[in-house]
Amino acid sequence: MKYIPGVLTAANKRLIMKENVLDVLMYLFENYFYDEPEEQPDRSCMEENLHEAGFSNGEIDKAFEWLDGLAEQRYQPDFKMYTDQPIRVFVDSETNRLDTACRDFLMYLSNTGILDAQRRELVLDRLMALESDEITLEDVKWVVLMVLFNQPGQEANYAWMEDLMFDTEQDYRH
């Protein structure tokens, strides 16, 4: 699916929303959460700043819904694993929206220990919550970074992921 400038089709609306919701999330992450992780930012102040930055009410509402979904899953009991190497099979809805590069990257993160099975499922949940037909590798990287940042005890994995964010030459082998 391609964005066609000047034509406001349903497909274009979905692409614009996806990019803008992710843009809102990245803006919030870079301006509020990353720099001042100990402070709880005021939601109304954040909304006001997002409006000043040019984001619409719909984009802002979707971004806050996404963040609320992430916050709801912050503290969950650990998965009971019956093996050290669980197998993850992607369902059709995931393979339709995550290309091979995205899936390979997620498996790479799992195999290197950056994402355990529980965090991988949380990342997939948040990726599917973007409500976008196409999710890029860059989108996956940002979502992984935001999820790890939000999860207690994941500081080392977050630091690894932060290093990977800016490594453009990496070949992700799972």
Protein backbone atom coordinates (compact mmCIF):
# COMPACT_ATOMS: atom_id res chain seq x y z
CA MET A 1 0.00 0.00 0.00
CA LYS A 2 1.44 3.37 -0.97
CA TYR A 3 0.58 6.85 0.15
CA ILE A 4 -0.67 8.95 -2.75
CA PRO A 5 -0.11 12.67 -2.04
CA GLY A 6 -3.18 14.84 -2.44
CA VAL A 7 -5.59 11.90 -2.49
CA LEU A 8 -7.38 11.18 0.77
CA THR A 9 -8.39 7.54 0.37
CA ALA A 10 -9.15 5.18 3.27
CA ALA A 11 -5.73 3.58 2.76
CA ASN A 12 -4.04 7.00 2.87
CA LYS A 13 -5.91 7.86 6.07
CA ARG A 14 -4.61 4.66 7.70
CA LEU A 15 -1.04 5.38 6.60
CA ILE A 16 -1.23 8.97 7.80
CA MET A 17 -2.70 7.86 11.15
CA LYS A 18 -0.03 5.21 11.66
CA GLU A 19 2.79 7.59 10.94
CA ASN A 20 1.27 10.33 13.05
CA VAL A 21 0.40 8.12 16.01
CA LEU A 22 3.92 6.75 16.00
CA ASP A 23 5.22 10.30 15.59
CA VAL A 24 3.19 11.35 18.65
CA LEU A 25 4.55 8.39 20.62
CA MET A 26 8.13 9.17 19.61
CA TYR A 27 7.62 12.85 20.45
CA LEU A 28 6.30 11.93 23.90
CA PHE A 29 9.08 9.43 24.45
CA GLU A 30 11.84 11.83 23.44
CA ASN A 31 10.44 14.88 25.22
CA TYR A 32 8.89 13.48 28.38
CA PHE A 33 9.76 9.91 29.19
CA TYR A 34 13.38 9.58 28.05
CA ASP A 35 14.75 12.76 29.62
CA GLU A 36 12.78 12.69 32.88
CA PRO A 37 11.88 9.06 33.61
CA GLU A 38 11.38 9.65 37.35
CA GLU A 39 8.81 12.43 36.93
CA GLN A 40 5.20 11.67 36.11
CA PRO A 41 4.31 14.19 33.39
CA ASP A 42 0.98 15.98 33.55
CA ARG A 43 -1.25 14.58 30.79
CA SER A 44 -3.03 17.86 30.10
CA CYS A 45 0.32 19.67 29.81
CA MET A 46 1.52 16.97 27.39
CA GLU A 47 -1.67 17.31 25.34
CA GLU A 48 -1.23 21.07 25.16
CA ASN A 49 2.38 20.69 23.99
CA LEU A 50 1.35 18.09 21.41
CA HIS A 51 -1.26 20.50 20.02
CA GLU A 52 1.40 23.22 19.84
CA ALA A 53 3.67 20.76 17.99
CA GLY A 54 0.94 20.33 15.37
CA PHE A 55 -0.65 17.02 16.28
CA SER A 56 -4.44 16.62 16.01
CA ASN A 57 -6.85 15.49 18.73
CA GLY A 58 -7.35 12.13 17.03
CA GLU A 59 -3.63 11.44 16.83
CA ILE A 60 -3.14 12.46 20.44
CA ASP A 61 -6.07 10.36 21.69
CA LYS A 62 -4.82 7.27 19.81
CA ALA A 63 -1.31 7.75 21.21
CA PHE A 64 -2.62 8.02 24.78
CA GLU A 65 -4.79 4.92 24.25
CA TRP A 66 -1.67 3.10 23.06
CA LEU A 67 0.27 4.25 26.12
CA ASP A 68 -2.59 3.28 28.43
CA GLY A 69 -2.54 -0.21 26.91
CA LEU A 70 1.19 -0.41 27.56
CA ALA A 71 0.80 0.82 31.14
CA GLU A 72 -1.91 -1.78 31.84
CA GLN A 73 0.62 -4.50 31.03
CA ARG A 74 3.53 -3.05 32.98
CA TYR A 75 3.33 -5.46 35.90
CA GLN A 76 2.26 -8.93 34.92
CA PRO A 77 3.18 -12.30 36.33
CA ASP A 78 5.94 -14.05 34.43
CA PHE A 79 5.03 -16.66 31.84
CA LYS A 80 5.50 -20.24 32.94
CA MET A 81 7.96 -21.67 30.44
CA TYR A 82 8.34 -25.41 29.99
CA THR A 83 11.41 -25.01 27.80
CA ASP A 84 14.27 -22.54 27.50
CA GLN A 85 13.66 -22.08 23.78
CA PRO A 86 9.93 -21.66 23.14
CA ILE A 87 8.79 -21.64 19.54
CA ARG A 88 6.85 -18.61 18.31
CA VAL A 89 4.61 -19.03 15.31
CA PHE A 90 3.29 -15.79 13.85
CA VAL A 91 -0.42 -15.79 13.04
CA ASP A 92 -1.81 -14.48 9.76
CA SER A 93 -2.74 -11.07 11.14
CA GLU A 94 0.89 -10.61 12.28
CA THR A 95 2.49 -11.87 9.06
CA ASN A 96 0.17 -9.63 7.05
CA ARG A 97 1.41 -6.54 8.89
CA LEU A 98 4.98 -7.49 9.81
CA ASP A 99 7.25 -8.25 6.89
CA THR A 100 10.09 -10.78 7.07
CA ALA A 101 12.62 -8.16 8.21
CA CYS A 102 10.40 -7.19 11.16
CA ARG A 103 9.78 -10.79 12.18
CA ASP A 104 13.48 -11.66 11.79
CA PHE A 105 14.41 -8.70 13.97
CA LEU A 106 11.99 -9.78 16.71
CA MET A 107 13.39 -13.32 16.61
CA TYR A 108 16.92 -11.90 16.71
CA LEU A 109 16.03 -9.91 19.84
CA SER A 110 14.52 -13.04 21.39
CA ASN A 111 17.51 -15.22 20.57
CA THR A 112 20.01 -12.69 21.91
CA GLY A 113 18.04 -12.30 25.14
CA ILE A 114 17.04 -8.67 24.64
CA LEU A 115 13.40 -9.75 24.54
CA ASP A 116 12.17 -12.66 26.62
CA ALA A 117 8.97 -14.40 25.53
CA GLN A 118 6.78 -12.18 27.70
CA ARG A 119 8.29 -8.91 26.43
CA ARG A 120 8.17 -10.19 22.83
CA GLU A 121 4.42 -10.79 23.20
CA LEU A 122 3.98 -7.34 24.70
CA VAL A 123 5.87 -5.81 21.76
CA LEU A 124 3.66 -7.72 19.32
CA ASP A 125 0.56 -6.57 21.19
CA ARG A 126 1.66 -2.94 20.98
CA LEU A 127 2.62 -3.27 17.30
CA MET A 128 -0.82 -4.68 16.46
CA ALA A 129 -2.38 -1.85 18.49
CA LEU A 130 -0.93 0.64 15.99
CA GLU A 131 -3.82 -0.38 13.71
CA SER A 132 -1.64 -0.07 10.64
CA ASP A 133 -1.59 -2.35 7.62
CA GLU A 134 2.16 -1.97 7.21
CA ILE A 135 4.68 -1.79 10.02
CA THR A 136 8.29 -1.01 9.18
CA LEU A 137 11.46 -2.24 10.86
CA GLU A 138 11.98 1.28 12.19
CA ASP A 139 8.51 1.16 13.77
CA VAL A 140 9.37 -2.17 15.42
CA LYS A 141 12.60 -0.77 16.83
CA TRP A 142 10.80 2.21 18.37
CA VAL A 143 8.06 0.06 19.87
CA VAL A 144 10.62 -2.35 21.35
CA LEU A 145 12.50 0.59 22.84
CA MET A 146 9.33 2.06 24.37
CA VAL A 147 8.20 -1.30 25.75
CA LEU A 148 11.59 -2.06 27.35
CA PHE A 149 11.75 1.44 28.79
CA ASN A 150 8.37 0.88 30.44
CA GLN A 151 9.19 -2.54 31.90
CA PRO A 152 10.77 -2.81 35.35
CA GLY A 153 14.07 -4.70 35.44
CA GLN A 154 14.75 -4.26 31.73
CA GLU A 155 17.37 -1.50 31.98
CA ALA A 156 20.22 -3.58 30.50
CA ASN A 157 18.05 -4.81 27.62
CA TYR A 158 16.86 -1.25 27.03
CA ALA A 159 20.51 -0.11 26.79
CA TRP A 160 21.26 -2.89 24.26
CA MET A 161 18.21 -1.91 22.25
CA GLU A 162 19.18 1.75 22.35
CA ASP A 163 22.55 0.81 20.83
CA LEU A 164 20.81 -1.26 18.13
CA MET A 165 18.48 1.63 17.26
CA PHE A 166 21.25 3.51 15.55
CA ASP A 167 23.09 0.51 14.05
CA THR A 168 21.97 0.61 10.42
CA GLU A 169 24.49 -1.91 9.05
CA GLN A 170 23.43 -4.81 11.33
CA ASP A 171 22.37 -8.10 9.78
CA TYR A 172 19.81 -9.64 12.14
CA ARG A 173 20.19 -13.40 12.08
CA HIS A 174 17.96 -15.53 14.23
